[in-house]
Amino acid sequence: MVVYPSSGEGQGVVVDGGGGALGVAAEGDRSDVRVPEVAWHATAPPSGTWLRVTDTGAGRIEIWSTGFDLLGEASVGLNPDRQGVLRAQSLPPAGGIRLRYRGPDDLFPPKPDTTR
């Protein structure tokens, strides 16, 4: 599954706060995105653990401990040219992660222009 903001593409992302709504929770220059499916390489870290995220290209990210131990992977279509700071937190119980982004509205790739 590749995760995109809700725009009719892919599965969408789940807004924190429950209710099953699709989209990105944004406040000012901050975005929280829940990624429910993570392929952990071993036991998932405890809930609330801060994590690092790197792009591997082709709509995938790698998830690392703060000490740079590779912990898992997920399919997320992020903008490789984003300008802000991206970090993540593990979710209970061995669920996914919450991406925490601070920066301009450029976490996801621009939507294609369909007005032509």
PDB file of N, CA and C in Angstrom:
ATOM      1  N   MET A   1       0.846  -1.172   0.000  1.00  0.00           N
ATOM      2  CA  MET A   1       0.000   0.000   0.000  1.00  0.00           C
ATOM      3  C   MET A   1       0.888   1.231   0.000  1.00  0.00           C
ATOM      4  N   VAL A   2       0.645   2.152  -0.897  1.00  0.00           N
ATOM      5  CA  VAL A   2       1.325   3.438  -0.905  1.00  0.00           C
ATOM      6  C   VAL A   2       0.380   4.460  -0.317  1.00  0.00           C
ATOM      7  N   VAL A   3       0.863   5.278   0.608  1.00  0.00           N
ATOM      8  CA  VAL A   3       0.022   6.242   1.298  1.00  0.00           C
ATOM      9  C   VAL A   3       0.188   7.606   0.661  1.00  0.00           C
ATOM     10  N   TYR A   4      -0.917   8.247   0.322  1.00  0.00           N
ATOM     11  CA  TYR A   4      -0.949   9.592  -0.245  1.00  0.00           C
ATOM     12  C   TYR A   4      -1.970  10.408   0.521  1.00  0.00           C
ATOM     13  N   PRO A   5      -1.936  11.722   0.406  1.00  0.00           N
ATOM     14  CA  PRO A   5      -3.034  12.491   1.000  1.00  0.00           C
ATOM     15  C   PRO A   5      -4.321  12.161   0.258  1.00  0.00           C
ATOM     16  N   SER A   6      -5.445  12.345   0.901  1.00  0.00           N
ATOM     17  CA  SER A   6      -6.700  11.979   0.259  1.00  0.00           C
ATOM     18  C   SER A   6      -6.962  12.873  -0.941  1.00  0.00           C
ATOM     19  N   SER A   7      -6.880  12.279  -2.116  1.00  0.00           N
ATOM     20  CA  SER A   7      -7.130  13.002  -3.357  1.00  0.00           C
ATOM     21  C   SER A   7      -7.619  12.028  -4.407  1.00  0.00           C
ATOM     22  N   GLY A   8      -8.045  10.857  -3.957  1.00  0.00           N
ATOM     23  CA  GLY A   8      -8.479   9.847  -4.892  1.00  0.00           C
ATOM     24  C   GLY A   8      -7.349   8.919  -5.303  1.00  0.00           C
ATOM     25  N   GLU A   9      -6.107   9.213  -4.878  1.00  0.00           N
ATOM     26  CA  GLU A   9      -4.977   8.366  -5.220  1.00  0.00           C
ATOM     27  C   GLU A   9      -4.725   7.401  -4.083  1.00  0.00           C
ATOM     28  N   GLY A  10      -4.306   6.190  -4.375  1.00  0.00           N
ATOM     29  CA  GLY A  10      -3.880   5.233  -3.363  1.00  0.00           C
ATOM     30  C   GLY A  10      -4.914   5.050  -2.269  1.00  0.00           C
ATOM     31  N   GLN A  11      -4.460   4.748  -1.067  1.00  0.00           N
ATOM     32  CA  GLN A  11      -5.330   4.454   0.059  1.00  0.00           C
ATOM     33  C   GLN A  11      -5.672   5.670   0.898  1.00  0.00           C
ATOM     34  N   GLY A  12      -4.920   6.725   0.817  1.00  0.00           N
ATOM     35  CA  GLY A  12      -5.118   7.870   1.686  1.00  0.00           C
ATOM     36  C   GLY A  12      -4.401   7.656   3.005  1.00  0.00           C
ATOM     37  N   VAL A  13      -4.361   8.652   3.809  1.00  0.00           N
ATOM     38  CA  VAL A  13      -3.745   8.559   5.124  1.00  0.00           C
ATOM     39  C   VAL A  13      -4.801   8.860   6.165  1.00  0.00           C
ATOM     40  N   VAL A  14      -4.628   8.328   7.361  1.00  0.00           N
ATOM     41  CA  VAL A  14      -5.639   8.470   8.393  1.00  0.00           C
ATOM     42  C   VAL A  14      -5.282   9.633   9.305  1.00  0.00           C
ATOM     43  N   VAL A  15      -6.227  10.531   9.509  1.00  0.00           N
ATOM     44  CA  VAL A  15      -6.012  11.681  10.387  1.00  0.00           C
ATOM     45  C   VAL A  15      -6.031  11.215  11.830  1.00  0.00           C
ATOM     46  N   ASP A  16      -5.063  11.681  12.620  1.00  0.00           N
ATOM     47  CA  ASP A  16      -5.080  11.393  14.048  1.00  0.00           C
ATOM     48  C   ASP A  16      -6.354  11.953  14.646  1.00  0.00           C
ATOM     49  N   GLY A  17      -6.833  11.292  15.660  1.00  0.00           N
ATOM     50  CA  GLY A  17      -8.033  11.758  16.329  1.00  0.00           C
ATOM     51  C   GLY A  17      -9.197  10.824  16.093  1.00  0.00           C
ATOM     52  N   GLY A  18      -8.967   9.729  15.360  1.00  0.00           N
ATOM     53  CA  GLY A  18      -9.997   8.720  15.199  1.00  0.00           C
ATOM     54  C   GLY A  18     -11.039   9.103  14.185  1.00  0.00           C
ATOM     55  N   GLY A  19     -12.090   8.322  14.161  1.00  0.00           N
ATOM     56  CA  GLY A  19     -13.182   8.578  13.247  1.00  0.00           C
ATOM     57  C   GLY A  19     -12.959   7.985  11.866  1.00  0.00           C
ATOM     58  N   GLY A  20     -11.766   7.508  11.580  1.00  0.00           N
ATOM     59  CA  GLY A  20     -11.509   6.869  10.309  1.00  0.00           C
ATOM     60  C   GLY A  20     -11.488   7.816   9.127  1.00  0.00           C
ATOM     61  N   ALA A  21     -11.434   9.121   9.365  1.00  0.00           N
ATOM     62  CA  ALA A  21     -11.413  10.075   8.263  1.00  0.00           C
ATOM     63  C   ALA A  21     -10.101   9.971   7.511  1.00  0.00           C
ATOM     64  N   LEU A  22     -10.126  10.235   6.228  1.00  0.00           N
ATOM     65  CA  LEU A  22      -8.914  10.227   5.431  1.00  0.00           C
ATOM     66  C   LEU A  22      -8.433  11.638   5.212  1.00  0.00           C
ATOM     67  N   GLY A  23      -7.119  11.827   5.210  1.00  0.00           N
ATOM     68  CA  GLY A  23      -6.540  13.131   4.973  1.00  0.00           C
ATOM     69  C   GLY A  23      -5.314  13.353   5.826  1.00  0.00           C
ATOM     70  N   VAL A  24      -4.889  14.568   5.925  1.00  0.00           N
ATOM     71  CA  VAL A  24      -3.720  14.945   6.707  1.00  0.00           C
ATOM     72  C   VAL A  24      -4.161  15.974   7.730  1.00  0.00           C
ATOM     73  N   ALA A  25      -3.835  15.733   8.993  1.00  0.00           N
ATOM     74  CA  ALA A  25      -4.150  16.714  10.029  1.00  0.00           C
ATOM     75  C   ALA A  25      -3.071  17.782   9.980  1.00  0.00           C
ATOM     76  N   ALA A  26      -3.452  19.009   9.723  1.00  0.00           N
ATOM     77  CA  ALA A  26      -2.469  20.080   9.604  1.00  0.00           C
ATOM     78  C   ALA A  26      -2.881  21.264  10.460  1.00  0.00           C
ATOM     79  N   GLU A  27      -1.903  21.885  11.084  1.00  0.00           N
ATOM     80  CA  GLU A  27      -2.143  23.088  11.878  1.00  0.00           C
ATOM     81  C   GLU A  27      -0.988  24.035  11.596  1.00  0.00           C
ATOM     82  N   GLY A  28      -1.255  25.096  10.877  1.00  0.00           N
ATOM     83  CA  GLY A  28      -0.196  26.034  10.533  1.00  0.00           C
ATOM     84  C   GLY A  28       0.844  25.365   9.658  1.00  0.00           C
ATOM     85  N   ASP A  29       2.064  25.292  10.157  1.00  0.00           N
ATOM     86  CA  ASP A  29       3.135  24.683   9.381  1.00  0.00           C
ATOM     87  C   ASP A  29       3.469  23.278   9.870  1.00  0.00           C
ATOM     88  N   ARG A  30       2.513  22.602  10.526  1.00  0.00           N
ATOM     89  CA  ARG A  30       2.722  21.249  11.053  1.00  0.00           C
ATOM     90  C   ARG A  30       1.713  20.287  10.460  1.00  0.00           C
ATOM     91  N   SER A  31       2.156  19.052  10.202  1.00  0.00           N
ATOM     92  CA  SER A  31       1.275  17.995   9.720  1.00  0.00           C
ATOM     93  C   SER A  31       1.548  16.722  10.503  1.00  0.00           C
ATOM     94  N   ASP A  32       0.486  16.003  10.843  1.00  0.00           N
ATOM     95  CA  ASP A  32       0.577  14.679  11.456  1.00  0.00           C
ATOM     96  C   ASP A  32      -0.096  13.703  10.517  1.00  0.00           C
ATOM     97  N   VAL A  33       0.610  12.632  10.155  1.00  0.00           N
ATOM     98  CA  VAL A  33       0.079  11.634   9.235  1.00  0.00           C
ATOM     99  C   VAL A  33       0.258  10.264   9.864  1.00  0.00           C
ATOM    100  N   ARG A  34      -0.829   9.510   9.963  1.00  0.00           N
ATOM    101  CA  ARG A  34      -0.758   8.160  10.517  1.00  0.00           C
ATOM    102  C   ARG A  34      -0.503   7.178   9.384  1.00  0.00           C
ATOM    103  N   VAL A  35       0.534   6.357   9.529  1.00  0.00           N
ATOM    104  CA  VAL A  35       0.869   5.305   8.572  1.00  0.00           C
ATOM    105  C   VAL A  35       0.590   3.989   9.291  1.00  0.00           C
ATOM    106  N   PRO A  36      -0.535   3.329   8.994  1.00  0.00           N
ATOM    107  CA  PRO A  36      -0.940   2.165   9.771  1.00  0.00           C
ATOM    108  C   PRO A  36      -0.149   0.894   9.480  1.00  0.00           C
ATOM    109  N   GLU A  37       0.437   0.779   8.295  1.00  0.00           N
ATOM    110  CA  GLU A  37       1.121  -0.461   7.929  1.00  0.00           C
ATOM    111  C   GLU A  37       2.621  -0.241   7.842  1.00  0.00           C
ATOM    112  N   VAL A  38       3.348  -0.871   8.781  1.00  0.00           N
ATOM    113  CA  VAL A  38       4.806  -0.813   8.806  1.00  0.00           C
ATOM    114  C   VAL A  38       5.318  -2.245   8.845  1.00  0.00           C
ATOM    115  N   ALA A  39       6.313  -2.549   8.035  1.00  0.00           N
ATOM    116  CA  ALA A  39       6.972  -3.853   8.067  1.00  0.00           C
ATOM    117  C   ALA A  39       8.174  -3.732   9.011  1.00  0.00           C
ATOM    118  N   TRP A  40       7.969  -4.132  10.270  1.00  0.00           N
ATOM    119  CA  TRP A  40       9.045  -4.058  11.258  1.00  0.00           C
ATOM    120  C   TRP A  40       9.998  -5.220  11.029  1.00  0.00           C
ATOM    121  N   HIS A  41      11.306  -4.993  11.120  1.00  0.00           N
ATOM    122  CA  HIS A  41      12.308  -6.043  10.933  1.00  0.00           C
ATOM    123  C   HIS A  41      12.432  -6.925  12.169  1.00  0.00           C
ATOM    124  N   ALA A  42      12.008  -6.450  13.303  1.00  0.00           N
ATOM    125  CA  ALA A  42      12.000  -7.202  14.560  1.00  0.00           C
ATOM    126  C   ALA A  42      10.791  -6.707  15.344  1.00  0.00           C
ATOM    127  N   THR A  43      10.831  -6.808  16.631  1.00  0.00           N
ATOM    128  CA  THR A  43       9.740  -6.318  17.464  1.00  0.00           C
ATOM    129  C   THR A  43       9.605  -4.809  17.300  1.00  0.00           C
ATOM    130  N   ALA A  44       8.372  -4.356  17.160  1.00  0.00           N
ATOM    131  CA  ALA A  44       8.120  -2.915  17.036  1.00  0.00           C
ATOM    132  C   ALA A  44       8.545  -2.209  18.324  1.00  0.00           C
ATOM    133  N   PRO A  45       9.058  -0.984  18.209  1.00  0.00           N
ATOM    134  CA  PRO A  45       9.450  -0.248  19.418  1.00  0.00           C
ATOM    135  C   PRO A  45       8.226   0.107  20.262  1.00  0.00           C
ATOM    136  N   PRO A  46       8.433   0.373  21.543  1.00  0.00           N
ATOM    137  CA  PRO A  46       7.306   0.745  22.409  1.00  0.00           C
ATOM    138  C   PRO A  46       6.576   1.987  21.881  1.00  0.00           C
ATOM    139  N   SER A  47       5.296   2.052  22.175  1.00  0.00           N
ATOM    140  CA  SER A  47       4.475   3.182  21.761  1.00  0.00           C
ATOM    141  C   SER A  47       5.078   4.491  22.248  1.00  0.00           C
ATOM    142  N   GLY A  48       5.111   5.484  21.342  1.00  0.00           N
ATOM    143  CA  GLY A  48       5.622   6.796  21.688  1.00  0.00           C
ATOM    144  C   GLY A  48       7.104   6.982  21.447  1.00  0.00           C
ATOM    145  N   THR A  49       7.809   5.921  21.017  1.00  0.00           N
ATOM    146  CA  THR A  49       9.239   6.019  20.751  1.00  0.00           C
ATOM    147  C   THR A  49       9.484   6.931  19.558  1.00  0.00           C
ATOM    148  N   TRP A  50      10.414   7.880  19.706  1.00  0.00           N
ATOM    149  CA  TRP A  50      10.768   8.758  18.597  1.00  0.00           C
ATOM    150  C   TRP A  50      11.634   7.999  17.607  1.00  0.00           C
ATOM    151  N   LEU A  51      11.401   8.232  16.326  1.00  0.00           N
ATOM    152  CA  LEU A  51      12.077   7.512  15.250  1.00  0.00           C
ATOM    153  C   LEU A  51      12.560   8.477  14.183  1.00  0.00           C
ATOM    154  N   ARG A  52      13.510   8.027  13.389  1.00  0.00           N
ATOM    155  CA  ARG A  52      13.984   8.775  12.225  1.00  0.00           C
ATOM    156  C   ARG A  52      13.408   8.127  10.976  1.00  0.00           C
ATOM    157  N   VAL A  53      13.232   8.930   9.922  1.00  0.00           N
ATOM    158  CA  VAL A  53      12.668   8.447   8.666  1.00  0.00           C
ATOM    159  C   VAL A  53      13.556   8.919   7.522  1.00  0.00           C
ATOM    160  N   THR A  54      13.878   8.002   6.603  1.00  0.00           N
ATOM    161  CA  THR A  54      14.615   8.378   5.395  1.00  0.00           C
ATOM    162  C   THR A  54      13.872   7.856   4.176  1.00  0.00           C
ATOM    163  N   ASP A  55      13.976   8.578   3.071  1.00  0.00           N
ATOM    164  CA  ASP A  55      13.381   8.153   1.802  1.00  0.00           C
ATOM    165  C   ASP A  55      14.299   7.137   1.141  1.00  0.00           C
ATOM    166  N   THR A  56      13.715   6.108   0.545  1.00  0.00           N
ATOM    167  CA  THR A  56      14.514   5.168  -0.236  1.00  0.00           C
ATOM    168  C   THR A  56      14.166   5.270  -1.711  1.00  0.00           C
ATOM    169  N   GLY A  57      13.229   6.156  -2.049  1.00  0.00           N
ATOM    170  CA  GLY A  57      12.780   6.306  -3.431  1.00  0.00           C
ATOM    171  C   GLY A  57      11.623   5.371  -3.717  1.00  0.00           C
ATOM    172  N   ALA A  58      10.996   5.585  -4.849  1.00  0.00           N
ATOM    173  CA  ALA A  58       9.883   4.738  -5.315  1.00  0.00           C
ATOM    174  C   ALA A  58       8.787   4.566  -4.271  1.00  0.00           C
ATOM    175  N   GLY A  59       8.472   5.647  -3.536  1.00  0.00           N
ATOM    176  CA  GLY A  59       7.352   5.601  -2.603  1.00  0.00           C
ATOM    177  C   GLY A  59       7.595   4.778  -1.357  1.00  0.00           C
ATOM    178  N   ARG A  60       8.844   4.636  -0.928  1.00  0.00           N
ATOM    179  CA  ARG A  60       9.149   3.863   0.275  1.00  0.00           C
ATOM    180  C   ARG A  60       9.991   4.689   1.244  1.00  0.00           C
ATOM    181  N   ILE A  61       9.805   4.402   2.528  1.00  0.00           N
ATOM    182  CA  ILE A  61      10.630   5.018   3.565  1.00  0.00           C
ATOM    183  C   ILE A  61      11.249   3.916   4.418  1.00  0.00           C
ATOM    184  N   GLU A  62      12.381   4.234   5.038  1.00  0.00           N
ATOM    185  CA  GLU A  62      12.978   3.366   6.043  1.00  0.00           C
ATOM    186  C   GLU A  62      12.816   4.048   7.391  1.00  0.00           C
ATOM    187  N   ILE A  63      12.601   3.236   8.416  1.00  0.00           N
ATOM    188  CA  ILE A  63      12.361   3.738   9.762  1.00  0.00           C
ATOM    189  C   ILE A  63      13.536   3.293  10.632  1.00  0.00           C
ATOM    190  N   TRP A  64      14.130   4.260  11.336  1.00  0.00           N
ATOM    191  CA  TRP A  64      15.356   4.035  12.094  1.00  0.00           C
ATOM    192  C   TRP A  64      15.159   4.450  13.546  1.00  0.00           C
ATOM    193  N   SER A  65      15.949   3.840  14.426  1.00  0.00           N
ATOM    194  CA  SER A  65      15.999   4.319  15.806  1.00  0.00           C
ATOM    195  C   SER A  65      16.753   5.646  15.820  1.00  0.00           C
ATOM    196  N   THR A  66      16.735   6.325  16.944  1.00  0.00           N
ATOM    197  CA  THR A  66      17.487   7.577  17.038  1.00  0.00           C
ATOM    198  C   THR A  66      18.989   7.324  16.967  1.00  0.00           C
ATOM    199  N   GLY A  67      19.417   6.080  17.206  1.00  0.00           N
ATOM    200  CA  GLY A  67      20.821   5.707  17.086  1.00  0.00           C
ATOM    201  C   GLY A  67      21.159   5.136  15.718  1.00  0.00           C
ATOM    202  N   PHE A  68      20.236   5.269  14.771  1.00  0.00           N
ATOM    203  CA  PHE A  68      20.386   4.826  13.381  1.00  0.00           C
ATOM    204  C   PHE A  68      20.476   3.309  13.227  1.00  0.00           C
ATOM    205  N   ASP A  69      19.675   2.560  13.998  1.00  0.00           N
ATOM    206  CA  ASP A  69      19.489   1.136  13.762  1.00  0.00           C
ATOM    207  C   ASP A  69      18.246   0.999  12.899  1.00  0.00           C
ATOM    208  N   LEU A  70      18.352   0.285  11.770  1.00  0.00           N
ATOM    209  CA  LEU A  70      17.209   0.109  10.878  1.00  0.00           C
ATOM    210  C   LEU A  70      16.165  -0.772  11.558  1.00  0.00           C
ATOM    211  N   LEU A  71      14.952  -0.254  11.689  1.00  0.00           N
ATOM    212  CA  LEU A  71      13.883  -0.961  12.407  1.00  0.00           C
ATOM    213  C   LEU A  71      12.778  -1.470  11.502  1.00  0.00           C
ATOM    214  N   GLY A  72      12.530  -0.786  10.378  1.00  0.00           N
ATOM    215  CA  GLY A  72      11.423  -1.207   9.534  1.00  0.00           C
ATOM    216  C   GLY A  72      11.314  -0.363   8.284  1.00  0.00           C
ATOM    217  N   GLU A  73      10.242  -0.644   7.511  1.00  0.00           N
ATOM    218  CA  GLU A  73       9.977   0.048   6.254  1.00  0.00           C
ATOM    219  C   GLU A  73       8.479   0.239   6.091  1.00  0.00           C
ATOM    220  N   ALA A  74       8.125   1.188   5.247  1.00  0.00           N
ATOM    221  CA  ALA A  74       6.718   1.424   4.928  1.00  0.00           C
ATOM    222  C   ALA A  74       6.617   2.016   3.525  1.00  0.00           C
ATOM    223  N   SER A  75       5.465   1.855   2.925  1.00  0.00           N
ATOM    224  CA  SER A  75       5.195   2.438   1.613  1.00  0.00           C
ATOM    225  C   SER A  75       4.464   3.752   1.805  1.00  0.00           C
ATOM    226  N   VAL A  76       5.183   4.833   1.551  1.00  0.00           N
ATOM    227  CA  VAL A  76       4.631   6.172   1.699  1.00  0.00           C
ATOM    228  C   VAL A  76       5.203   7.034   0.584  1.00  0.00           C
ATOM    229  N   GLY A  77       4.340   7.646  -0.201  1.00  0.00           N
ATOM    230  CA  GLY A  77       4.792   8.512  -1.293  1.00  0.00           C
ATOM    231  C   GLY A  77       5.055   9.921  -0.802  1.00  0.00           C
ATOM    232  N   LEU A  78       6.278  10.192  -0.339  1.00  0.00           N
ATOM    233  CA  LEU A  78       6.638  11.516   0.155  1.00  0.00           C
ATOM    234  C   LEU A  78       7.344  12.323  -0.928  1.00  0.00           C
ATOM    235  N   ASN A  79       7.309  13.623  -0.775  1.00  0.00           N
ATOM    236  CA  ASN A  79       7.998  14.531  -1.686  1.00  0.00           C
ATOM    237  C   ASN A  79       9.490  14.526  -1.336  1.00  0.00           C
ATOM    238  N   PRO A  80      10.353  14.046  -2.235  1.00  0.00           N
ATOM    239  CA  PRO A  80      11.786  14.017  -1.923  1.00  0.00           C
ATOM    240  C   PRO A  80      12.398  15.417  -1.836  1.00  0.00           C
ATOM    241  N   ASP A  81      11.708  16.429  -2.339  1.00  0.00           N
ATOM    242  CA  ASP A  81      12.210  17.807  -2.315  1.00  0.00           C
ATOM    243  C   ASP A  81      11.585  18.652  -1.211  1.00  0.00           C
ATOM    244  N   ARG A  82      10.974  18.007  -0.206  1.00  0.00           N
ATOM    245  CA  ARG A  82      10.346  18.768   0.889  1.00  0.00           C
ATOM    246  C   ARG A  82      11.402  19.573   1.625  1.00  0.00           C
ATOM    247  N   GLN A  83      10.963  20.672   2.208  1.00  0.00           N
ATOM    248  CA  GLN A  83      11.892  21.604   2.854  1.00  0.00           C
ATOM    249  C   GLN A  83      11.869  21.539   4.378  1.00  0.00           C
ATOM    250  N   GLY A  84      10.904  20.862   4.958  1.00  0.00           N
ATOM    251  CA  GLY A  84      10.748  20.862   6.406  1.00  0.00           C
ATOM    252  C   GLY A  84      11.490  19.734   7.099  1.00  0.00           C
ATOM    253  N   VAL A  85      11.163  19.535   8.373  1.00  0.00           N
ATOM    254  CA  VAL A  85      11.769  18.516   9.216  1.00  0.00           C
ATOM    255  C   VAL A  85      10.754  17.396   9.422  1.00  0.00           C
ATOM    256  N   LEU A  86      11.174  16.159   9.144  1.00  0.00           N
ATOM    257  CA  LEU A  86      10.302  14.993   9.287  1.00  0.00           C
ATOM    258  C   LEU A  86      10.852  14.080  10.370  1.00  0.00           C
ATOM    259  N   ARG A  87       9.979  13.671  11.274  1.00  0.00           N
ATOM    260  CA  ARG A  87      10.322  12.688  12.291  1.00  0.00           C
ATOM    261  C   ARG A  87       9.101  11.806  12.475  1.00  0.00           C
ATOM    262  N   ALA A  88       9.208  10.778  13.293  1.00  0.00           N
ATOM    263  CA  ALA A  88       8.090   9.859  13.475  1.00  0.00           C
ATOM    264  C   ALA A  88       8.040   9.377  14.908  1.00  0.00           C
ATOM    265  N   GLN A  89       6.868   8.839  15.274  1.00  0.00           N
ATOM    266  CA  GLN A  89       6.652   8.232  16.578  1.00  0.00           C
ATOM    267  C   GLN A  89       5.919   6.923  16.364  1.00  0.00           C
ATOM    268  N   SER A  90       6.304   5.892  17.120  1.00  0.00           N
ATOM    269  CA  SER A  90       5.611   4.608  17.012  1.00  0.00           C
ATOM    270  C   SER A  90       4.238   4.706  17.671  1.00  0.00           C
ATOM    271  N   LEU A  91       3.309   3.914  17.141  1.00  0.00           N
ATOM    272  CA  LEU A  91       1.936   3.902  17.648  1.00  0.00           C
ATOM    273  C   LEU A  91       1.625   2.555  18.295  1.00  0.00           C
ATOM    274  N   PRO A  92       0.694   2.519  19.242  1.00  0.00           N
ATOM    275  CA  PRO A  92       0.338   1.248  19.883  1.00  0.00           C
ATOM    276  C   PRO A  92      -0.697   0.509  19.049  1.00  0.00           C
ATOM    277  N   PRO A  93      -0.955  -0.724  19.310  1.00  0.00           N
ATOM    278  CA  PRO A  93      -0.010  -1.726  19.800  1.00  0.00           C
ATOM    279  C   PRO A  93       0.703  -2.324  18.594  1.00  0.00           C
ATOM    280  N   ALA A  94       1.953  -2.145  18.477  1.00  0.00           N
ATOM    281  CA  ALA A  94       2.769  -2.593  17.333  1.00  0.00           C
ATOM    282  C   ALA A  94       2.084  -2.205  16.032  1.00  0.00           C
ATOM    283  N   GLY A  95       1.412  -1.056  16.088  1.00  0.00           N
ATOM    284  CA  GLY A  95       0.706  -0.584  14.915  1.00  0.00           C
ATOM    285  C   GLY A  95       1.680   0.040  13.956  1.00  0.00           C
ATOM    286  N   GLY A  96       1.368   1.168  13.509  1.00  0.00           N
ATOM    287  CA  GLY A  96       2.217   1.841  12.552  1.00  0.00           C
ATOM    288  C   GLY A  96       3.019   2.937  13.217  1.00  0.00           C
ATOM    289  N   ILE A  97       3.146   4.013  12.457  1.00  0.00           N
ATOM    290  CA  ILE A  97       3.865   5.183  12.949  1.00  0.00           C
ATOM    291  C   ILE A  97       3.052   6.429  12.645  1.00  0.00           C
ATOM    292  N   ARG A  98       3.368   7.482  13.361  1.00  0.00           N
ATOM    293  CA  ARG A  98       2.798   8.792  13.068  1.00  0.00           C
ATOM    294  C   ARG A  98       3.947   9.643  12.550  1.00  0.00           C
ATOM    295  N   LEU A  99       3.826  10.108  11.307  1.00  0.00           N
ATOM    296  CA  LEU A  99       4.812  11.033  10.761  1.00  0.00           C
ATOM    297  C   LEU A  99       4.497  12.410  11.303  1.00  0.00           C
ATOM    298  N   ARG A 100       5.484  13.097  11.814  1.00  0.00           N
ATOM    299  CA  ARG A 100       5.333  14.452  12.347  1.00  0.00           C
ATOM    300  C   ARG A 100       6.195  15.349  11.474  1.00  0.00           C
ATOM    301  N   TYR A 101       5.558  16.259  10.754  1.00  0.00           N
ATOM    302  CA  TYR A 101       6.264  17.111   9.798  1.00  0.00           C
ATOM    303  C   TYR A 101       6.072  18.566  10.166  1.00  0.00           C
ATOM    304  N   ARG A 102       7.150  19.309  10.139  1.00  0.00           N
ATOM    305  CA  ARG A 102       7.076  20.746  10.363  1.00  0.00           C
ATOM    306  C   ARG A 102       7.765  21.432   9.199  1.00  0.00           C
ATOM    307  N   GLY A 103       7.017  22.228   8.472  1.00  0.00           N
ATOM    308  CA  GLY A 103       7.552  22.923   7.311  1.00  0.00           C
ATOM    309  C   GLY A 103       6.419  23.386   6.419  1.00  0.00           C
ATOM    310  N   PRO A 104       6.762  23.836   5.222  1.00  0.00           N
ATOM    311  CA  PRO A 104       5.727  24.286   4.296  1.00  0.00           C
ATOM    312  C   PRO A 104       4.858  23.107   3.851  1.00  0.00           C
ATOM    313  N   ASP A 105       3.802  23.390   3.155  1.00  0.00           N
ATOM    314  CA  ASP A 105       2.865  22.363   2.705  1.00  0.00           C
ATOM    315  C   ASP A 105       3.464  21.596   1.520  1.00  0.00           C
ATOM    316  N   ASP A 106       4.551  20.849   1.793  1.00  0.00           N
ATOM    317  CA  ASP A 106       5.219  20.131   0.712  1.00  0.00           C
ATOM    318  C   ASP A 106       5.633  18.720   1.120  1.00  0.00           C
ATOM    319  N   LEU A 107       4.968  18.133   2.120  1.00  0.00           N
ATOM    320  CA  LEU A 107       5.306  16.787   2.569  1.00  0.00           C
ATOM    321  C   LEU A 107       5.050  15.755   1.470  1.00  0.00           C
ATOM    322  N   PHE A 108       3.976  15.936   0.723  1.00  0.00           N
ATOM    323  CA  PHE A 108       3.629  15.010  -0.354  1.00  0.00           C
ATOM    324  C   PHE A 108       3.925  15.642  -1.710  1.00  0.00           C
ATOM    325  N   PRO A 109       4.146  14.813  -2.737  1.00  0.00           N
ATOM    326  CA  PRO A 109       4.407  15.370  -4.074  1.00  0.00           C
ATOM    327  C   PRO A 109       3.229  16.228  -4.533  1.00  0.00           C
ATOM    328  N   PRO A 110       3.512  17.234  -5.357  1.00  0.00           N
ATOM    329  CA  PRO A 110       2.415  18.051  -5.879  1.00  0.00           C
ATOM    330  C   PRO A 110       1.445  17.189  -6.681  1.00  0.00           C
ATOM    331  N   LYS A 111       0.174  17.548  -6.597  1.00  0.00           N
ATOM    332  CA  LYS A 111      -0.837  16.834  -7.378  1.00  0.00           C
ATOM    333  C   LYS A 111      -0.710  17.238  -8.843  1.00  0.00           C
ATOM    334  N   PRO A 112      -0.916  16.277  -9.757  1.00  0.00           N
ATOM    335  CA  PRO A 112      -0.852  16.626 -11.172  1.00  0.00           C
ATOM    336  C   PRO A 112      -1.939  17.621 -11.557  1.00  0.00           C
ATOM    337  N   ASP A 113      -1.626  18.510 -12.477  1.00  0.00           N
ATOM    338  CA  ASP A 113      -2.589  19.491 -12.973  1.00  0.00           C
ATOM    339  C   ASP A 113      -3.544  18.785 -13.933  1.00  0.00           C
ATOM    340  N   THR A 114      -4.811  18.688 -13.560  1.00  0.00           N
ATOM    341  CA  THR A 114      -5.793  18.005 -14.395  1.00  0.00           C
ATOM    342  C   THR A 114      -6.747  18.970 -15.065  1.00  0.00           C
ATOM    343  N   THR A 115      -6.401  20.267 -15.083  1.00  0.00           N
ATOM    344  CA  THR A 115      -7.298  21.268 -15.660  1.00  0.00           C
ATOM    345  C   THR A 115      -7.139  21.406 -17.160  1.00  0.00           C
ATOM    346  N   ARG A 116      -6.179  20.746 -17.742  1.00  0.00           N
ATOM    347  CA  ARG A 116      -5.966  20.878 -19.187  1.00  0.00           C
ATOM    348  C   ARG A 116      -6.780  19.912 -19.966  1.00  0.00           C
TER     349      ARG A 116
END
